[in-house]
Amino acid sequence: MLGYLKNAVKELFWRIRNLRCRQCPGLDLSGTFVILAPHPDDEVLGCGGLIARLCAEGNPPYVVIMTGGGGSLRGHSDMPENEVIEARRKLTLASARELGLPKENIHFLDFVDGSIANRPEREMARLREIIVRLQSSAILVPHRSEGWPDHTATREIALSGNHPTIIEYCVWMWYYNVWNLDWKNARKIEMTDMEHAAKLRAVNIYVSAKAPNGDPWSGFLPKPFLRANTSRRELYFLNQ
């Protein structure tokens, strides 16, 4: 009963925020976008509509998956993490196809799931090289109130790089219900029917796929979380 009540409250909070989101101006889509995703699926949950639109406009973004998501089955399966990573990367490519994102625009790094904050020099060097080579106009990172350590660490890494434009996207922010949002810097994507359908297919590839032990590869995601991240709007914040 307690879990049901918590989810009901989170659902209510999300609906209130969604009403506020309707009033936000649209996100400027000019330039080259690089999306830093802490784990496989964050790029689609947070930015699937944006990815679909940019691809349709002939300006596909670049996606950098920071970890392989190898820790999603920890404590639930004896499956080696390298096999979990391989399976989840296949899901990334399949999901990207639904959005029209070329596989050449996806870069996989090898930060350890749960330990991005350690900033291993080898992976940091690879990330810096990718960002410099792509010459992006904007780098998209998880929102400052995401809660998960890997999401926070990914944002901090981008901020430490002195990049010209940082845009924050929302994944777990919806679930943690942070009230003090910077609405003056909020922007939105209102998805068309085609964009929304593409995002739903891409999300479904991630969340419906099951590991050999029967658990979802992405872990068990709360229903309010999935509902918030599959609505027709995506919310972004300009980092000022």
Protein backbone atom coordinates (compact mmCIF):
# COMPACT_ATOMS: atom_id res chain seq x y z
CA MET A 1 0.00 0.00 0.00
CA LEU A 2 2.82 2.43 0.86
CA GLY A 3 4.48 1.83 -2.51
CA TYR A 4 1.19 2.44 -4.30
CA LEU A 5 0.68 5.74 -2.48
CA LYS A 6 4.20 6.92 -3.27
CA ASN A 7 3.71 6.18 -6.95
CA ALA A 8 0.32 7.93 -6.92
CA VAL A 9 1.92 11.06 -5.44
CA LYS A 10 4.73 10.96 -8.00
CA GLU A 11 2.16 10.63 -10.79
CA LEU A 12 0.32 13.70 -9.47
CA PHE A 13 3.54 15.72 -9.26
CA TRP A 14 4.40 14.76 -12.82
CA ARG A 15 0.99 15.88 -14.09
CA ILE A 16 1.41 19.27 -12.39
CA ARG A 17 4.84 19.71 -13.95
CA ASN A 18 3.57 18.63 -17.33
CA LEU A 19 1.01 21.45 -17.22
CA ARG A 20 3.82 23.91 -16.50
CA CYS A 21 5.90 22.42 -19.31
CA ARG A 22 3.20 23.29 -21.86
CA GLN A 23 3.98 26.97 -21.35
CA CYS A 24 7.68 26.63 -22.16
CA PRO A 25 9.10 27.88 -25.48
CA GLY A 26 10.48 25.40 -27.98
CA LEU A 27 14.09 24.26 -28.00
CA ASP A 28 16.35 25.78 -30.67
CA LEU A 29 17.41 22.87 -32.88
CA SER A 30 20.12 24.61 -34.91
CA GLY A 31 23.70 23.34 -34.75
CA THR A 32 25.28 20.03 -33.86
CA PHE A 33 24.10 18.18 -30.76
CA VAL A 34 26.07 15.65 -28.71
CA ILE A 35 24.07 13.68 -26.14
CA LEU A 36 25.99 12.18 -23.22
CA ALA A 37 24.03 9.21 -21.84
CA PRO A 38 25.26 7.63 -18.59
CA HIS A 39 23.67 4.26 -19.48
CA PRO A 40 22.11 2.62 -22.53
CA ASP A 41 18.47 3.85 -22.62
CA ASP A 42 19.00 7.31 -21.05
CA GLU A 43 19.46 8.84 -24.51
CA VAL A 44 16.05 7.55 -25.64
CA LEU A 45 14.11 8.09 -22.41
CA GLY A 46 15.32 11.68 -22.14
CA CYS A 47 15.87 12.73 -25.77
CA GLY A 48 14.10 10.24 -28.05
CA GLY A 49 11.79 12.86 -29.52
CA LEU A 50 14.68 15.26 -30.11
CA ILE A 51 16.72 12.53 -31.79
CA ALA A 52 13.82 11.57 -34.06
CA ARG A 53 13.24 15.18 -35.13
CA LEU A 54 16.87 15.97 -35.80
CA CYS A 55 17.28 12.78 -37.82
CA ALA A 56 14.19 13.58 -39.90
CA GLU A 57 15.59 17.05 -40.57
CA GLY A 58 18.87 15.58 -41.84
CA ASN A 59 20.86 16.76 -38.84
CA PRO A 60 21.25 13.60 -36.72
CA PRO A 61 22.82 14.18 -33.30
CA TYR A 62 25.69 12.20 -31.87
CA VAL A 63 25.17 9.95 -28.87
CA VAL A 64 27.91 8.95 -26.44
CA ILE A 65 26.97 6.04 -24.16
CA MET A 66 29.23 6.44 -21.15
CA THR A 67 28.85 2.97 -19.58
CA GLY A 68 27.73 -0.38 -20.93
CA GLY A 69 25.07 -0.68 -18.25
CA GLY A 70 26.77 -3.84 -17.03
CA GLY A 71 25.49 -3.43 -13.49
CA SER A 72 21.78 -3.67 -14.29
CA LEU A 73 21.60 -7.32 -13.19
CA ARG A 74 23.94 -7.12 -10.20
CA GLY A 75 22.57 -9.16 -7.34
CA HIS A 76 19.97 -10.81 -9.59
CA SER A 77 22.06 -12.88 -11.97
CA ASP A 78 25.45 -14.58 -12.27
CA MET A 79 25.74 -13.44 -15.87
CA PRO A 80 29.16 -11.84 -16.54
CA GLU A 81 28.93 -8.08 -16.90
CA ASN A 82 30.69 -8.12 -20.28
CA GLU A 83 27.83 -10.22 -21.64
CA VAL A 84 25.28 -7.82 -20.15
CA ILE A 85 27.11 -4.94 -21.83
CA GLU A 86 27.15 -6.71 -25.20
CA ALA A 87 23.42 -7.39 -25.01
CA ARG A 88 22.55 -3.84 -24.00
CA ARG A 89 24.65 -2.33 -26.78
CA LYS A 90 22.73 -4.38 -29.31
CA LEU A 91 19.55 -2.90 -27.87
CA THR A 92 21.03 0.59 -28.28
CA LEU A 93 21.61 0.02 -31.99
CA ALA A 94 18.15 -1.48 -32.48
CA SER A 95 16.53 1.40 -30.60
CA ALA A 96 18.49 3.97 -32.61
CA ARG A 97 17.20 2.49 -35.87
CA GLU A 98 13.64 3.25 -34.80
CA LEU A 99 14.61 6.92 -34.44
CA GLY A 100 16.54 7.06 -37.71
CA LEU A 101 19.88 7.54 -35.95
CA PRO A 102 22.82 6.09 -37.93
CA LYS A 103 25.02 3.69 -35.99
CA GLU A 104 28.01 5.80 -37.04
CA ASN A 105 26.66 8.54 -34.77
CA ILE A 106 26.79 6.33 -31.68
CA HIS A 107 29.95 6.08 -29.58
CA PHE A 108 30.35 3.54 -26.79
CA LEU A 109 32.72 4.27 -23.93
CA ASP A 110 33.79 1.88 -21.18
CA PHE A 111 33.22 3.75 -17.92
CA VAL A 112 32.24 1.25 -15.23
CA ASP A 113 28.52 1.26 -14.44
CA GLY A 114 28.09 3.10 -11.13
CA SER A 115 31.60 4.56 -11.18
CA ILE A 116 31.69 7.37 -13.75
CA ALA A 117 32.71 9.74 -10.95
CA ASN A 118 36.08 7.95 -10.74
CA ARG A 119 36.97 9.51 -14.11
CA PRO A 120 39.47 6.91 -15.38
CA GLU A 121 42.00 8.72 -17.53
CA ARG A 122 41.67 6.38 -20.51
CA GLU A 123 37.94 6.94 -20.87
CA MET A 124 38.22 10.64 -20.09
CA ALA A 125 40.75 10.97 -22.91
CA ARG A 126 38.46 9.10 -25.30
CA LEU A 127 35.55 11.33 -24.36
CA ARG A 128 37.57 14.50 -24.84
CA GLU A 129 38.77 13.30 -28.24
CA ILE A 130 35.22 12.54 -29.39
CA ILE A 131 33.87 15.92 -28.28
CA VAL A 132 36.72 17.84 -29.89
CA ARG A 133 36.40 15.91 -33.14
CA LEU A 134 32.64 16.41 -33.41
CA GLN A 135 32.85 20.18 -32.80
CA SER A 136 29.38 20.24 -31.31
CA SER A 137 27.29 23.37 -30.85
CA ALA A 138 25.69 21.97 -27.70
CA ILE A 139 26.27 19.10 -25.31
CA LEU A 140 23.25 17.51 -23.68
CA VAL A 141 23.66 16.05 -20.19
CA PRO A 142 21.35 14.71 -17.47
CA HIS A 143 19.53 17.29 -15.35
CA ARG A 144 21.27 18.46 -12.19
CA SER A 145 18.55 16.87 -10.04
CA GLU A 146 18.64 13.40 -11.56
CA GLY A 147 19.69 11.76 -8.31
CA TRP A 148 21.69 8.83 -9.70
CA PRO A 149 25.49 9.18 -9.20
CA ASP A 150 26.35 8.32 -12.82
CA HIS A 151 23.93 10.96 -14.08
CA THR A 152 25.37 13.59 -11.76
CA ALA A 153 28.94 12.64 -12.67
CA THR A 154 28.22 12.82 -16.41
CA ARG A 155 26.89 16.34 -16.03
CA GLU A 156 29.87 17.42 -13.91
CA ILE A 157 32.33 16.04 -16.47
CA ALA A 158 30.71 18.08 -19.23
CA LEU A 159 30.66 21.23 -17.10
CA SER A 160 34.35 20.83 -16.30
CA GLY A 161 35.20 20.82 -20.00
CA ASN A 162 34.34 24.49 -20.57
CA HIS A 163 31.97 23.75 -23.44
CA PRO A 164 30.09 26.70 -24.97
CA THR A 165 26.52 25.41 -24.55
CA ILE A 166 25.26 22.83 -22.05
CA ILE A 167 21.64 21.67 -22.17
CA GLU A 168 20.18 19.46 -19.45
CA TYR A 169 17.65 16.74 -20.29
CA CYS A 170 15.35 14.87 -17.92
CA VAL A 171 15.19 11.16 -17.13
CA TRP A 172 15.01 10.49 -13.38
CA MET A 173 14.30 14.13 -12.55
CA TRP A 174 10.63 13.42 -13.21
CA TYR A 175 10.64 10.67 -10.62
CA TYR A 176 12.55 12.50 -7.90
CA ASN A 177 10.17 15.46 -8.11
CA VAL A 178 12.47 18.38 -7.52
CA TRP A 179 10.30 21.44 -6.97
CA ASN A 180 12.74 24.30 -7.47
CA LEU A 181 13.11 24.06 -11.24
CA ASP A 182 14.62 26.87 -13.28
CA TRP A 183 11.56 27.42 -15.46
CA LYS A 184 12.88 30.59 -17.09
CA ASN A 185 15.54 28.49 -18.81
CA ALA A 186 13.21 25.58 -19.61
CA ARG A 187 12.56 24.58 -23.21
CA LYS A 188 10.44 21.81 -24.68
CA ILE A 189 9.98 19.50 -27.63
CA GLU A 190 6.37 18.88 -28.61
CA MET A 191 6.47 15.62 -30.56
CA THR A 192 4.44 14.98 -33.68
CA ASP A 193 2.50 11.73 -33.96
CA MET A 194 5.32 10.18 -35.99
CA GLU A 195 8.03 11.35 -33.59
CA HIS A 196 6.11 10.13 -30.57
CA ALA A 197 5.44 6.74 -32.15
CA ALA A 198 9.13 6.39 -33.00
CA LYS A 199 10.13 7.22 -29.42
CA LEU A 200 7.64 4.71 -28.01
CA ARG A 201 9.05 1.98 -30.25
CA ALA A 202 12.59 2.91 -29.26
CA VAL A 203 11.76 2.91 -25.55
CA ASN A 204 9.92 -0.40 -25.87
CA ILE A 205 12.97 -2.07 -27.36
CA TYR A 206 14.87 -1.22 -24.19
CA VAL A 207 12.26 -1.90 -21.54
CA SER A 208 10.61 -5.01 -23.00
CA ALA A 209 13.78 -7.01 -23.68
CA LYS A 210 14.50 -9.65 -21.04
CA ALA A 211 17.76 -11.16 -19.83
CA PRO A 212 18.08 -14.96 -19.55
CA ASN A 213 16.96 -14.81 -15.90
CA GLY A 214 13.71 -13.10 -16.93
CA ASP A 215 14.61 -9.62 -15.63
CA PRO A 216 14.52 -6.62 -17.98
CA TRP A 217 17.97 -5.65 -19.20
CA SER A 218 17.29 -2.08 -18.06
CA GLY A 219 16.11 -3.19 -14.63
CA PHE A 220 12.61 -2.79 -13.20
CA LEU A 221 11.54 0.78 -13.96
CA PRO A 222 8.67 2.36 -11.96
CA LYS A 223 5.43 2.95 -13.87
CA PRO A 224 5.28 6.71 -13.06
CA PHE A 225 8.84 7.01 -14.35
CA LEU A 226 7.96 5.32 -17.65
CA ARG A 227 4.76 7.33 -18.00
CA ALA A 228 6.62 10.60 -17.55
CA ASN A 229 9.33 9.64 -20.03
CA THR A 230 6.92 8.50 -22.74
CA SER A 231 4.67 11.56 -22.79
CA ARG A 232 4.42 13.73 -25.90
CA ARG A 233 6.74 16.36 -24.43
CA GLU A 234 10.42 16.41 -23.58
CA LEU A 235 11.72 19.06 -21.22
CA TYR A 236 15.16 20.62 -21.45
CA PHE A 237 16.98 23.28 -19.44
CA LEU A 238 19.59 25.70 -20.72
CA ASN A 239 22.52 25.68 -18.33
CA GLN A 240 23.10 29.36 -17.53
